[in-house]
Amino acid sequence: MQDAPKHILVIRLSAMGDVAMTVNVLRAFTQQYPDVKLTVLTRAFFKPFFRDLKNVSVFYADVKHKHKGILGLYKLSKELKALKIDAVADLHNVLRSSVLKTFLFGIKTVQIDKGRAEKKALVSGQEFKQLKTTHQRYADVFKTLGFPIDLSNPNFPEKKPLSKKVIETIGNAQKKRIGIAPFAAHESKMYPLDLMQEVIEQLAEKYTVLLFGGGKKEIQTLTYFESQEKGIINLAGKLTLDEELDVVSNLDVMLSMDSGNAHIAAMLGVKTMTIWGVTHPYAGFTPFNQPEDFCLLADRTQYPKIPTSVYGNKFPEDYKNAAGSIPVKTVVEKIQSVIPA
């Protein structure tokens, strides 16, 4: 491929789920184009996500301090130019990345098409159909740069060996391990916590249930769940991100909302069940390489306006607990059906 880029800057600054979704696309890229170097521009916190990728470097954007504002982005552009990048894949496409790209003039840039018009038609009720997945939208950016990516036969990293500290925290694998991440950025995307407690306690009768979350209020809730039954272990606030990724890679299944934890589990090739409230898989944010029936959906007969928004931030007041229309029995039986005996 004559004059093809040899070093591509990949911009994906936030949020956690979006960053996790890039990983499988980049893994496929590195396997299909091993001679091309990738540098991912993201937050320092997300560096562990890319730890298993060959020929991928991570460059930190300190947008709260060093790289804040127009002057900070100009300084960042000078630092990036010094890396001798010859193309930019903007998987973020927001004002900040647009400003940064103006400072990287002379370098070929391609940005993601987020499909805003299609998504608007979906949430307005005009067209209820499956849209292109976010993973494919990321892959399309590289295709425009001259690197079509086949996502149909993905490879995933091996399960990570667990450190002594982690084993002391979660115990030895005497039972199958289920990860549960009950929280999401918006309450409308969450399974009601009283129902989630029932799910957790029923599963804990047979499996080890590991709870994931963060933030003071979330930790209090998870600590309460942990106290109710043996076999429930709250991991929130106890492990580093690296250690959490090690644990997730050893799960038999992850149950998550439409949230970042789902994409982290799928990124590692773990079976990932998701619960959907006012959002819907048709918007393109399903976890990577998961069967369609792993998405447990709110009842659209009862809540016909779903999806009310792409991100769960807009919804009629009486749709707030839409996810609660999914019976506890359905959630428990679905998880049990995919765990090998």
C-alpha atoms as a PDB file:
ATOM      1  CA  MET A   1       0.000   0.000   0.000  1.00  0.00           C
ATOM      2  CA  GLN A   2       1.927   2.983  -1.307  1.00  0.00           C
ATOM      3  CA  ASP A   3       2.076   6.073   0.873  1.00  0.00           C
ATOM      4  CA  ALA A   4      -0.153   4.372   3.429  1.00  0.00           C
ATOM      5  CA  PRO A   5       0.100   5.732   6.981  1.00  0.00           C
ATOM      6  CA  LYS A   6       2.658   3.961   9.155  1.00  0.00           C
ATOM      7  CA  HIS A   7       1.797   5.659  12.440  1.00  0.00           C
ATOM      8  CA  ILE A   8      -1.833   6.532  13.245  1.00  0.00           C
ATOM      9  CA  LEU A   9      -2.988   8.668  16.160  1.00  0.00           C
ATOM     10  CA  VAL A  10      -6.266   7.308  17.557  1.00  0.00           C
ATOM     11  CA  ILE A  11      -8.314   9.877  19.512  1.00  0.00           C
ATOM     12  CA  ARG A  12     -10.713   8.392  22.064  1.00  0.00           C
ATOM     13  CA  LEU A  13     -10.719  10.487  25.239  1.00  0.00           C
ATOM     14  CA  SER A  14     -13.852   9.356  27.113  1.00  0.00           C
ATOM     15  CA  ALA A  15     -16.157   7.913  28.420  1.00  0.00           C
ATOM     16  CA  MET A  16     -15.182   4.546  29.879  1.00  0.00           C
ATOM     17  CA  GLY A  17     -17.566   2.430  27.822  1.00  0.00           C
ATOM     18  CA  ASP A  18     -16.622   4.186  24.589  1.00  0.00           C
ATOM     19  CA  VAL A  19     -12.927   3.694  25.286  1.00  0.00           C
ATOM     20  CA  ALA A  20     -13.490  -0.004  26.063  1.00  0.00           C
ATOM     21  CA  MET A  21     -15.388  -0.388  22.778  1.00  0.00           C
ATOM     22  CA  THR A  22     -12.343   0.741  20.800  1.00  0.00           C
ATOM     23  CA  VAL A  23     -10.175  -2.082  22.138  1.00  0.00           C
ATOM     24  CA  ASN A  24     -11.586  -4.954  20.062  1.00  0.00           C
ATOM     25  CA  VAL A  25     -11.410  -2.819  16.922  1.00  0.00           C
ATOM     26  CA  LEU A  26      -7.786  -1.903  17.630  1.00  0.00           C
ATOM     27  CA  ARG A  27      -6.941  -5.532  18.432  1.00  0.00           C
ATOM     28  CA  ALA A  28      -8.320  -6.594  15.048  1.00  0.00           C
ATOM     29  CA  PHE A  29      -6.414  -3.747  13.380  1.00  0.00           C
ATOM     30  CA  THR A  30      -3.085  -4.758  14.933  1.00  0.00           C
ATOM     31  CA  GLN A  31      -3.563  -8.383  13.865  1.00  0.00           C
ATOM     32  CA  GLN A  32      -4.515  -7.460  10.305  1.00  0.00           C
ATOM     33  CA  TYR A  33      -1.973  -4.613   9.883  1.00  0.00           C
ATOM     34  CA  PRO A  34       0.983  -5.569  12.115  1.00  0.00           C
ATOM     35  CA  ASP A  35       3.358  -3.092  10.427  1.00  0.00           C
ATOM     36  CA  VAL A  36       1.304  -0.017  11.362  1.00  0.00           C
ATOM     37  CA  LYS A  37       1.911   1.646  14.711  1.00  0.00           C
ATOM     38  CA  LEU A  38      -1.018   3.033  16.715  1.00  0.00           C
ATOM     39  CA  THR A  39      -0.843   5.692  19.419  1.00  0.00           C
ATOM     40  CA  VAL A  40      -4.052   6.063  21.425  1.00  0.00           C
ATOM     41  CA  LEU A  41      -4.763   9.511  22.840  1.00  0.00           C
ATOM     42  CA  THR A  42      -6.861   8.997  25.961  1.00  0.00           C
ATOM     43  CA  ARG A  43      -6.974   9.614  29.708  1.00  0.00           C
ATOM     44  CA  ALA A  44      -4.232   8.073  31.829  1.00  0.00           C
ATOM     45  CA  PHE A  45      -6.827   6.119  33.835  1.00  0.00           C
ATOM     46  CA  PHE A  46      -7.690   4.028  30.770  1.00  0.00           C
ATOM     47  CA  LYS A  47      -4.170   2.797  30.005  1.00  0.00           C
ATOM     48  CA  PRO A  48      -4.818  -0.743  31.384  1.00  0.00           C
ATOM     49  CA  PHE A  49      -7.501  -1.278  28.725  1.00  0.00           C
ATOM     50  CA  PHE A  50      -4.790  -1.400  26.055  1.00  0.00           C
ATOM     51  CA  ARG A  51      -2.295  -3.585  27.942  1.00  0.00           C
ATOM     52  CA  ASP A  52      -2.754  -6.663  25.726  1.00  0.00           C
ATOM     53  CA  LEU A  53      -2.463  -4.879  22.372  1.00  0.00           C
ATOM     54  CA  LYS A  54       0.726  -5.235  20.364  1.00  0.00           C
ATOM     55  CA  ASN A  55       2.187  -2.226  18.575  1.00  0.00           C
ATOM     56  CA  VAL A  56      -0.105   0.155  20.477  1.00  0.00           C
ATOM     57  CA  SER A  57       1.161   3.007  22.664  1.00  0.00           C
ATOM     58  CA  VAL A  58      -0.946   5.201  24.954  1.00  0.00           C
ATOM     59  CA  PHE A  59      -0.455   8.956  25.122  1.00  0.00           C
ATOM     60  CA  TYR A  60      -2.139  10.734  28.011  1.00  0.00           C
ATOM     61  CA  ALA A  61      -4.295  13.809  27.462  1.00  0.00           C
ATOM     62  CA  ASP A  62      -4.370  15.836  30.676  1.00  0.00           C
ATOM     63  CA  VAL A  63      -7.397  17.925  29.707  1.00  0.00           C
ATOM     64  CA  LYS A  64      -7.987  19.199  33.258  1.00  0.00           C
ATOM     65  CA  HIS A  65      -4.544  20.729  33.693  1.00  0.00           C
ATOM     66  CA  LYS A  66      -1.649  20.615  31.215  1.00  0.00           C
ATOM     67  CA  HIS A  67      -3.806  20.282  28.081  1.00  0.00           C
ATOM     68  CA  LYS A  68      -6.778  22.351  29.227  1.00  0.00           C
ATOM     69  CA  GLY A  69      -8.337  24.917  26.886  1.00  0.00           C
ATOM     70  CA  ILE A  70      -7.108  26.188  23.519  1.00  0.00           C
ATOM     71  CA  LEU A  71      -3.529  26.789  24.678  1.00  0.00           C
ATOM     72  CA  GLY A  72      -3.390  23.379  26.308  1.00  0.00           C
ATOM     73  CA  LEU A  73      -4.600  21.684  23.135  1.00  0.00           C
ATOM     74  CA  TYR A  74      -2.005  23.600  21.119  1.00  0.00           C
ATOM     75  CA  LYS A  75       0.677  22.346  23.507  1.00  0.00           C
ATOM     76  CA  LEU A  76      -0.722  18.820  23.123  1.00  0.00           C
ATOM     77  CA  SER A  77      -0.580  19.094  19.324  1.00  0.00           C
ATOM     78  CA  LYS A  78       3.135  19.991  19.484  1.00  0.00           C
ATOM     79  CA  GLU A  79       3.798  16.945  21.664  1.00  0.00           C
ATOM     80  CA  LEU A  80       1.882  14.696  19.269  1.00  0.00           C
ATOM     81  CA  LYS A  81       3.651  16.035  16.190  1.00  0.00           C
ATOM     82  CA  ALA A  82       6.945  15.101  17.806  1.00  0.00           C
ATOM     83  CA  LEU A  83       5.787  11.459  17.655  1.00  0.00           C
ATOM     84  CA  LYS A  84       5.869  11.690  13.842  1.00  0.00           C
ATOM     85  CA  ILE A  85       2.284  10.561  13.324  1.00  0.00           C
ATOM     86  CA  ASP A  86       1.135  10.610   9.712  1.00  0.00           C
ATOM     87  CA  ALA A  87      -2.648  10.104  10.111  1.00  0.00           C
ATOM     88  CA  VAL A  88      -5.363  10.757  12.702  1.00  0.00           C
ATOM     89  CA  ALA A  89      -8.351   8.488  13.406  1.00  0.00           C
ATOM     90  CA  ASP A  90     -10.755  10.599  15.459  1.00  0.00           C
ATOM     91  CA  LEU A  91     -13.083   8.135  17.194  1.00  0.00           C
ATOM     92  CA  HIS A  92     -14.342  10.877  19.506  1.00  0.00           C
ATOM     93  CA  ASN A  93     -15.495  13.708  17.205  1.00  0.00           C
ATOM     94  CA  VAL A  94     -16.302  16.408  19.747  1.00  0.00           C
ATOM     95  CA  LEU A  95     -15.303  20.072  19.950  1.00  0.00           C
ATOM     96  CA  ARG A  96     -12.071  19.292  21.806  1.00  0.00           C
ATOM     97  CA  SER A  97     -10.864  16.782  19.220  1.00  0.00           C
ATOM     98  CA  SER A  98     -11.901  19.124  16.394  1.00  0.00           C
ATOM     99  CA  VAL A  99      -9.807  21.947  17.847  1.00  0.00           C
ATOM    100  CA  LEU A 100      -6.882  19.579  18.315  1.00  0.00           C
ATOM    101  CA  LYS A 101      -7.118  18.467  14.676  1.00  0.00           C
ATOM    102  CA  THR A 102      -6.910  22.075  13.443  1.00  0.00           C
ATOM    103  CA  PHE A 103      -3.535  22.285  15.193  1.00  0.00           C
ATOM    104  CA  LEU A 104      -2.480  19.057  13.463  1.00  0.00           C
ATOM    105  CA  PHE A 105      -2.901  20.632  10.015  1.00  0.00           C
ATOM    106  CA  GLY A 106      -1.103  18.860   7.202  1.00  0.00           C
ATOM    107  CA  ILE A 107      -1.801  15.439   8.724  1.00  0.00           C
ATOM    108  CA  LYS A 108      -4.540  13.335   7.141  1.00  0.00           C
ATOM    109  CA  THR A 109      -7.526  13.077   9.502  1.00  0.00           C
ATOM    110  CA  VAL A 110     -10.748  11.049   9.431  1.00  0.00           C
ATOM    111  CA  GLN A 111     -13.462  11.353  12.062  1.00  0.00           C
ATOM    112  CA  ILE A 112     -16.249   9.025  13.127  1.00  0.00           C
ATOM    113  CA  ASP A 113     -19.706   9.447  11.661  1.00  0.00           C
ATOM    114  CA  LYS A 114     -21.882   9.137  14.750  1.00  0.00           C
ATOM    115  CA  GLY A 115     -25.071   8.762  12.722  1.00  0.00           C
ATOM    116  CA  ARG A 116     -26.820  11.550  14.601  1.00  0.00           C
ATOM    117  CA  ALA A 117     -29.730  11.845  12.129  1.00  0.00           C
ATOM    118  CA  GLU A 118     -30.428   8.087  12.241  1.00  0.00           C
ATOM    119  CA  LYS A 119     -30.282   8.071  16.038  1.00  0.00           C
ATOM    120  CA  LYS A 120     -32.641  11.042  16.204  1.00  0.00           C
ATOM    121  CA  ALA A 121     -35.097   9.149  13.984  1.00  0.00           C
ATOM    122  CA  LEU A 122     -34.787   6.114  16.265  1.00  0.00           C
ATOM    123  CA  VAL A 123     -35.481   7.902  19.558  1.00  0.00           C
ATOM    124  CA  SER A 124     -38.259  10.040  18.056  1.00  0.00           C
ATOM    125  CA  GLY A 125     -40.117   6.913  16.999  1.00  0.00           C
ATOM    126  CA  GLN A 126     -39.803   7.631  13.271  1.00  0.00           C
ATOM    127  CA  GLU A 127     -37.844   4.454  12.501  1.00  0.00           C
ATOM    128  CA  PHE A 128     -37.437   1.494  14.806  1.00  0.00           C
ATOM    129  CA  LYS A 129     -34.594  -0.491  13.254  1.00  0.00           C
ATOM    130  CA  GLN A 130     -31.074  -1.682  14.000  1.00  0.00           C
ATOM    131  CA  LEU A 131     -28.471   0.998  13.323  1.00  0.00           C
ATOM    132  CA  LYS A 132     -24.813   0.422  12.542  1.00  0.00           C
ATOM    133  CA  THR A 133     -22.888  -0.652  15.653  1.00  0.00           C
ATOM    134  CA  THR A 134     -20.425   1.722  17.257  1.00  0.00           C
ATOM    135  CA  HIS A 135     -17.702  -0.872  16.693  1.00  0.00           C
ATOM    136  CA  GLN A 136     -18.416  -0.798  12.961  1.00  0.00           C
ATOM    137  CA  ARG A 137     -18.435   3.018  12.994  1.00  0.00           C
ATOM    138  CA  TYR A 138     -14.933   2.886  14.523  1.00  0.00           C
ATOM    139  CA  ALA A 139     -13.836   0.363  11.892  1.00  0.00           C
ATOM    140  CA  ASP A 140     -15.225   2.618   9.139  1.00  0.00           C
ATOM    141  CA  VAL A 141     -12.820   5.385  10.194  1.00  0.00           C
ATOM    142  CA  PHE A 142      -9.854   3.086   9.556  1.00  0.00           C
ATOM    143  CA  LYS A 143     -11.393   1.897   6.295  1.00  0.00           C
ATOM    144  CA  THR A 144     -11.489   5.514   5.084  1.00  0.00           C
ATOM    145  CA  LEU A 145      -7.797   5.778   5.991  1.00  0.00           C
ATOM    146  CA  GLY A 146      -7.157   2.773   3.742  1.00  0.00           C
ATOM    147  CA  PHE A 147      -7.340  -0.025   6.326  1.00  0.00           C
ATOM    148  CA  PRO A 148     -10.569  -2.061   6.123  1.00  0.00           C
ATOM    149  CA  ILE A 149     -10.964  -4.186   9.267  1.00  0.00           C
ATOM    150  CA  ASP A 150     -12.707  -7.558   9.504  1.00  0.00           C
ATOM    151  CA  LEU A 151     -14.426  -7.800  12.916  1.00  0.00           C
ATOM    152  CA  SER A 152     -16.139 -11.135  12.227  1.00  0.00           C
ATOM    153  CA  ASN A 153     -13.546 -13.494  13.754  1.00  0.00           C
ATOM    154  CA  PRO A 154     -12.242 -11.752  16.876  1.00  0.00           C
ATOM    155  CA  ASN A 155      -9.474 -12.964  19.151  1.00  0.00           C
ATOM    156  CA  PHE A 156      -9.429 -12.218  22.869  1.00  0.00           C
ATOM    157  CA  PRO A 157      -6.683 -12.252  25.493  1.00  0.00           C
ATOM    158  CA  GLU A 158      -6.190 -15.300  27.704  1.00  0.00           C
ATOM    159  CA  LYS A 159      -7.567 -15.266  31.248  1.00  0.00           C
ATOM    160  CA  LYS A 160      -5.104 -13.487  33.494  1.00  0.00           C
ATOM    161  CA  PRO A 161      -3.503 -15.316  36.423  1.00  0.00           C
ATOM    162  CA  LEU A 162      -4.787 -13.798  39.653  1.00  0.00           C
ATOM    163  CA  SER A 163      -2.406 -12.316  42.210  1.00  0.00           C
ATOM    164  CA  LYS A 164      -2.345 -13.414  45.835  1.00  0.00           C
ATOM    165  CA  LYS A 165      -4.059 -10.149  46.831  1.00  0.00           C
ATOM    166  CA  VAL A 166      -6.886 -10.697  44.348  1.00  0.00           C
ATOM    167  CA  ILE A 167      -7.400 -14.325  45.370  1.00  0.00           C
ATOM    168  CA  GLU A 168      -7.550 -13.248  49.016  1.00  0.00           C
ATOM    169  CA  THR A 169     -10.247 -10.762  48.021  1.00  0.00           C
ATOM    170  CA  ILE A 170     -12.429 -12.975  45.817  1.00  0.00           C
ATOM    171  CA  GLY A 171     -11.528 -16.464  47.049  1.00  0.00           C
ATOM    172  CA  ASN A 172     -10.507 -19.537  45.071  1.00  0.00           C
ATOM    173  CA  ALA A 173     -12.674 -20.686  42.170  1.00  0.00           C
ATOM    174  CA  GLN A 174     -14.644 -23.385  43.989  1.00  0.00           C
ATOM    175  CA  LYS A 175     -17.831 -22.121  42.324  1.00  0.00           C
ATOM    176  CA  LYS A 176     -18.527 -20.460  38.984  1.00  0.00           C
ATOM    177  CA  ARG A 177     -18.051 -16.698  39.163  1.00  0.00           C
ATOM    178  CA  ILE A 178     -20.693 -14.185  38.099  1.00  0.00           C
ATOM    179  CA  GLY A 179     -19.839 -10.500  37.919  1.00  0.00           C
ATOM    180  CA  ILE A 180     -22.696  -8.047  38.475  1.00  0.00           C
ATOM    181  CA  ALA A 181     -22.467  -4.302  37.824  1.00  0.00           C
ATOM    182  CA  PRO A 182     -25.869  -2.883  38.884  1.00  0.00           C
ATOM    183  CA  PHE A 183     -25.233   0.799  38.188  1.00  0.00           C
ATOM    184  CA  ALA A 184     -25.302   3.100  35.157  1.00  0.00           C
ATOM    185  CA  ALA A 185     -24.822   6.807  34.537  1.00  0.00           C
ATOM    186  CA  HIS A 186     -28.598   7.324  34.506  1.00  0.00           C
ATOM    187  CA  GLU A 187     -31.114   5.650  36.801  1.00  0.00           C
ATOM    188  CA  SER A 188     -33.397   5.037  33.801  1.00  0.00           C
ATOM    189  CA  LYS A 189     -30.839   2.500  32.500  1.00  0.00           C
ATOM    190  CA  MET A 190     -30.748   0.567  35.782  1.00  0.00           C
ATOM    191  CA  TYR A 191     -32.623  -2.489  36.976  1.00  0.00           C
ATOM    192  CA  PRO A 192     -34.483  -1.420  40.150  1.00  0.00           C
ATOM    193  CA  LEU A 193     -32.198  -2.142  43.080  1.00  0.00           C
ATOM    194  CA  ASP A 194     -34.802  -4.114  45.046  1.00  0.00           C
ATOM    195  CA  LEU A 195     -35.180  -6.486  42.092  1.00  0.00           C
ATOM    196  CA  MET A 196     -31.411  -6.594  41.581  1.00  0.00           C
ATOM    197  CA  GLN A 197     -31.012  -7.654  45.211  1.00  0.00           C
ATOM    198  CA  GLU A 198     -33.339 -10.590  44.520  1.00  0.00           C
ATOM    199  CA  VAL A 199     -31.291 -11.562  41.451  1.00  0.00           C
ATOM    200  CA  ILE A 200     -28.032 -11.362  43.396  1.00  0.00           C
ATOM    201  CA  GLU A 201     -29.313 -13.409  46.348  1.00  0.00           C
ATOM    202  CA  GLN A 202     -30.797 -16.128  44.132  1.00  0.00           C
ATOM    203  CA  LEU A 203     -27.579 -16.459  42.142  1.00  0.00           C
ATOM    204  CA  ALA A 204     -25.468 -16.484  45.317  1.00  0.00           C
ATOM    205  CA  GLU A 205     -27.152 -19.734  46.375  1.00  0.00           C
ATOM    206  CA  LYS A 206     -25.240 -21.534  43.634  1.00  0.00           C
ATOM    207  CA  TYR A 207     -22.440 -19.231  42.415  1.00  0.00           C
ATOM    208  CA  THR A 208     -19.894 -16.726  43.695  1.00  0.00           C
ATOM    209  CA  VAL A 209     -21.284 -13.271  42.909  1.00  0.00           C
ATOM    210  CA  LEU A 210     -18.741 -10.455  42.517  1.00  0.00           C
ATOM    211  CA  LEU A 211     -20.143  -6.907  42.643  1.00  0.00           C
ATOM    212  CA  PHE A 212     -18.621  -4.055  40.628  1.00  0.00           C
ATOM    213  CA  GLY A 213     -19.148  -0.319  41.039  1.00  0.00           C
ATOM    214  CA  GLY A 214     -17.589   2.867  42.339  1.00  0.00           C
ATOM    215  CA  GLY A 215     -18.448   6.056  44.168  1.00  0.00           C
ATOM    216  CA  LYS A 216     -19.463   6.423  47.803  1.00  0.00           C
ATOM    217  CA  LYS A 217     -23.191   5.849  47.381  1.00  0.00           C
ATOM    218  CA  GLU A 218     -22.700   2.836  45.107  1.00  0.00           C
ATOM    219  CA  ILE A 219     -20.216   1.261  47.513  1.00  0.00           C
ATOM    220  CA  GLN A 220     -22.716   1.625  50.390  1.00  0.00           C
ATOM    221  CA  THR A 221     -25.380  -0.187  48.354  1.00  0.00           C
ATOM    222  CA  LEU A 222     -23.004  -2.970  47.294  1.00  0.00           C
ATOM    223  CA  THR A 223     -21.742  -3.381  50.864  1.00  0.00           C
ATOM    224  CA  TYR A 224     -25.353  -3.842  51.982  1.00  0.00           C
ATOM    225  CA  PHE A 225     -25.940  -6.487  49.289  1.00  0.00           C
ATOM    226  CA  GLU A 226     -22.760  -8.258  50.384  1.00  0.00           C
ATOM    227  CA  SER A 227     -23.945  -8.376  54.007  1.00  0.00           C
ATOM    228  CA  GLN A 228     -27.199 -10.152  53.131  1.00  0.00           C
ATOM    229  CA  GLU A 229     -25.922 -13.497  51.895  1.00  0.00           C
ATOM    230  CA  LYS A 230     -22.819 -15.679  51.778  1.00  0.00           C
ATOM    231  CA  GLY A 231     -21.206 -15.915  48.373  1.00  0.00           C
ATOM    232  CA  ILE A 232     -21.628 -12.200  47.594  1.00  0.00           C
ATOM    233  CA  ILE A 233     -18.389 -10.206  47.421  1.00  0.00           C
ATOM    234  CA  ASN A 234     -18.266  -6.451  46.914  1.00  0.00           C
ATOM    235  CA  LEU A 235     -15.147  -5.465  44.942  1.00  0.00           C
ATOM    236  CA  ALA A 236     -15.902  -1.739  44.713  1.00  0.00           C
ATOM    237  CA  GLY A 237     -12.988   0.347  45.940  1.00  0.00           C
ATOM    238  CA  LYS A 238     -10.838  -2.694  46.801  1.00  0.00           C
ATOM    239  CA  LEU A 239      -8.825  -3.253  43.608  1.00  0.00           C
ATOM    240  CA  THR A 240      -6.892  -1.259  41.039  1.00  0.00           C
ATOM    241  CA  LEU A 241      -8.278  -1.099  37.501  1.00  0.00           C
ATOM    242  CA  ASP A 242      -5.589  -3.560  36.392  1.00  0.00           C
ATOM    243  CA  GLU A 243      -6.676  -6.002  39.104  1.00  0.00           C
ATOM    244  CA  GLU A 244     -10.365  -5.539  38.251  1.00  0.00           C
ATOM    245  CA  LEU A 245      -9.605  -6.384  34.624  1.00  0.00           C
ATOM    246  CA  ASP A 246      -7.818  -9.543  35.809  1.00  0.00           C
ATOM    247  CA  VAL A 247     -10.924 -10.538  37.782  1.00  0.00           C
ATOM    248  CA  VAL A 248     -13.291  -9.776  34.895  1.00  0.00           C
ATOM    249  CA  SER A 249     -11.190 -11.929  32.543  1.00  0.00           C
ATOM    250  CA  ASN A 250     -11.819 -14.866  34.930  1.00  0.00           C
ATOM    251  CA  LEU A 251     -15.609 -14.475  35.131  1.00  0.00           C
ATOM    252  CA  ASP A 252     -17.960 -17.086  33.716  1.00  0.00           C
ATOM    253  CA  VAL A 253     -20.484 -14.358  32.917  1.00  0.00           C
ATOM    254  CA  MET A 254     -20.971 -10.621  33.541  1.00  0.00           C
ATOM    255  CA  LEU A 255     -24.381  -9.064  34.171  1.00  0.00           C
ATOM    256  CA  SER A 256     -24.374  -5.338  33.536  1.00  0.00           C
ATOM    257  CA  MET A 257     -26.645  -2.513  32.590  1.00  0.00           C
ATOM    258  CA  ASP A 258     -26.186  -0.684  29.272  1.00  0.00           C
ATOM    259  CA  SER A 259     -22.958   0.720  30.734  1.00  0.00           C
ATOM    260  CA  GLY A 260     -19.169   0.718  30.658  1.00  0.00           C
ATOM    261  CA  ASN A 261     -18.827  -2.528  32.620  1.00  0.00           C
ATOM    262  CA  ALA A 262     -20.601  -4.418  29.845  1.00  0.00           C
ATOM    263  CA  HIS A 263     -18.079  -3.174  27.292  1.00  0.00           C
ATOM    264  CA  ILE A 264     -15.141  -3.999  29.566  1.00  0.00           C
ATOM    265  CA  ALA A 265     -16.322  -7.600  29.951  1.00  0.00           C
ATOM    266  CA  ALA A 266     -17.001  -7.980  26.219  1.00  0.00           C
ATOM    267  CA  MET A 267     -13.603  -6.436  25.472  1.00  0.00           C
ATOM    268  CA  LEU A 268     -12.075  -9.404  27.318  1.00  0.00           C
ATOM    269  CA  GLY A 269     -14.235 -12.013  25.572  1.00  0.00           C
ATOM    270  CA  VAL A 270     -16.424 -12.729  28.617  1.00  0.00           C
ATOM    271  CA  LYS A 271     -20.076 -13.730  28.160  1.00  0.00           C
ATOM    272  CA  THR A 272     -21.941 -10.487  28.841  1.00  0.00           C
ATOM    273  CA  MET A 273     -25.630 -10.187  29.720  1.00  0.00           C
ATOM    274  CA  THR A 274     -27.068  -6.685  29.593  1.00  0.00           C
ATOM    275  CA  ILE A 275     -30.262  -5.190  31.000  1.00  0.00           C
ATOM    276  CA  TRP A 276     -31.824  -2.334  29.027  1.00  0.00           C
ATOM    277  CA  GLY A 277     -34.247   0.257  30.386  1.00  0.00           C
ATOM    278  CA  VAL A 278     -35.116   3.324  28.300  1.00  0.00           C
ATOM    279  CA  THR A 279     -32.224   2.731  25.879  1.00  0.00           C
ATOM    280  CA  HIS A 280     -32.187   0.004  23.229  1.00  0.00           C
ATOM    281  CA  PRO A 281     -29.575  -2.128  21.394  1.00  0.00           C
ATOM    282  CA  TYR A 282     -30.771  -0.703  18.071  1.00  0.00           C
ATOM    283  CA  ALA A 283     -28.797   2.499  18.776  1.00  0.00           C
ATOM    284  CA  GLY A 284     -25.608   0.484  18.234  1.00  0.00           C
ATOM    285  CA  PHE A 285     -24.134   0.193  21.718  1.00  0.00           C
ATOM    286  CA  THR A 286     -24.458  -3.538  22.305  1.00  0.00           C
ATOM    287  CA  PRO A 287     -21.370  -5.180  23.825  1.00  0.00           C
ATOM    288  CA  PHE A 288     -18.957  -6.588  21.255  1.00  0.00           C
ATOM    289  CA  ASN A 289     -19.519 -10.077  19.805  1.00  0.00           C
ATOM    290  CA  GLN A 290     -22.421 -10.984  22.114  1.00  0.00           C
ATOM    291  CA  PRO A 291     -25.523 -12.884  20.939  1.00  0.00           C
ATOM    292  CA  GLU A 292     -28.651 -10.807  20.432  1.00  0.00           C
ATOM    293  CA  ASP A 293     -30.544 -12.724  23.119  1.00  0.00           C
ATOM    294  CA  PHE A 294     -27.955 -11.712  25.735  1.00  0.00           C
ATOM    295  CA  CYS A 295     -29.732  -8.319  25.754  1.00  0.00           C
ATOM    296  CA  LEU A 296     -32.643  -8.384  28.228  1.00  0.00           C
ATOM    297  CA  LEU A 297     -35.077  -5.684  27.155  1.00  0.00           C
ATOM    298  CA  ALA A 298     -37.775  -3.686  28.902  1.00  0.00           C
ATOM    299  CA  ASP A 299     -41.329  -4.461  27.758  1.00  0.00           C
ATOM    300  CA  ARG A 300     -42.065  -2.213  24.758  1.00  0.00           C
ATOM    301  CA  THR A 301     -45.754  -3.104  24.936  1.00  0.00           C
ATOM    302  CA  GLN A 302     -45.818  -1.407  28.320  1.00  0.00           C
ATOM    303  CA  TYR A 303     -43.248   1.252  27.334  1.00  0.00           C
ATOM    304  CA  PRO A 304     -43.770   1.843  23.583  1.00  0.00           C
ATOM    305  CA  LYS A 305     -41.605   4.983  23.385  1.00  0.00           C
ATOM    306  CA  ILE A 306     -38.407   3.028  24.073  1.00  0.00           C
ATOM    307  CA  PRO A 307     -35.760   4.031  23.164  1.00  0.00           C
ATOM    308  CA  THR A 308     -36.512   7.456  24.607  1.00  0.00           C
ATOM    309  CA  SER A 309     -32.886   8.539  24.133  1.00  0.00           C
ATOM    310  CA  VAL A 310     -29.559   7.128  23.030  1.00  0.00           C
ATOM    311  CA  TYR A 311     -27.818   7.596  26.383  1.00  0.00           C
ATOM    312  CA  GLY A 312     -30.719   7.267  28.829  1.00  0.00           C
ATOM    313  CA  ASN A 313     -30.687  10.941  29.840  1.00  0.00           C
ATOM    314  CA  LYS A 314     -34.162  11.767  28.441  1.00  0.00           C
ATOM    315  CA  PHE A 315     -37.345   9.882  29.266  1.00  0.00           C
ATOM    316  CA  PRO A 316     -40.931  10.400  30.449  1.00  0.00           C
ATOM    317  CA  GLU A 317     -41.150  10.295  34.252  1.00  0.00           C
ATOM    318  CA  ASP A 318     -43.223   7.113  34.220  1.00  0.00           C
ATOM    319  CA  TYR A 319     -40.489   5.345  32.203  1.00  0.00           C
ATOM    320  CA  LYS A 320     -37.899   5.707  34.970  1.00  0.00           C
ATOM    321  CA  ASN A 321     -38.240   2.090  36.127  1.00  0.00           C
ATOM    322  CA  ALA A 322     -38.888   0.573  32.693  1.00  0.00           C
ATOM    323  CA  ALA A 323     -36.164  -2.042  33.233  1.00  0.00           C
ATOM    324  CA  GLY A 324     -38.254  -3.359  36.125  1.00  0.00           C
ATOM    325  CA  SER A 325     -40.658  -4.860  33.566  1.00  0.00           C
ATOM    326  CA  ILE A 326     -38.080  -7.642  33.107  1.00  0.00           C
ATOM    327  CA  PRO A 327     -38.961 -10.382  35.644  1.00  0.00           C
ATOM    328  CA  VAL A 328     -36.306 -11.462  38.167  1.00  0.00           C
ATOM    329  CA  LYS A 329     -36.917 -15.059  37.063  1.00  0.00           C
ATOM    330  CA  THR A 330     -36.035 -14.141  33.468  1.00  0.00           C
ATOM    331  CA  VAL A 331     -32.717 -12.585  34.520  1.00  0.00           C
ATOM    332  CA  VAL A 332     -31.706 -15.473  36.789  1.00  0.00           C
ATOM    333  CA  GLU A 333     -32.685 -18.213  34.335  1.00  0.00           C
ATOM    334  CA  LYS A 334     -30.939 -16.488  31.426  1.00  0.00           C
ATOM    335  CA  ILE A 335     -27.673 -16.278  33.357  1.00  0.00           C
ATOM    336  CA  GLN A 336     -27.934 -19.895  34.501  1.00  0.00           C
ATOM    337  CA  SER A 337     -28.569 -21.012  30.915  1.00  0.00           C
ATOM    338  CA  VAL A 338     -25.167 -19.815  29.693  1.00  0.00           C
ATOM    339  CA  ILE A 339     -23.025 -21.050  32.579  1.00  0.00           C
ATOM    340  CA  PRO A 340     -21.565 -24.507  31.919  1.00  0.00           C
ATOM    341  CA  ALA A 341     -22.428 -27.075  34.552  1.00  0.00           C
END
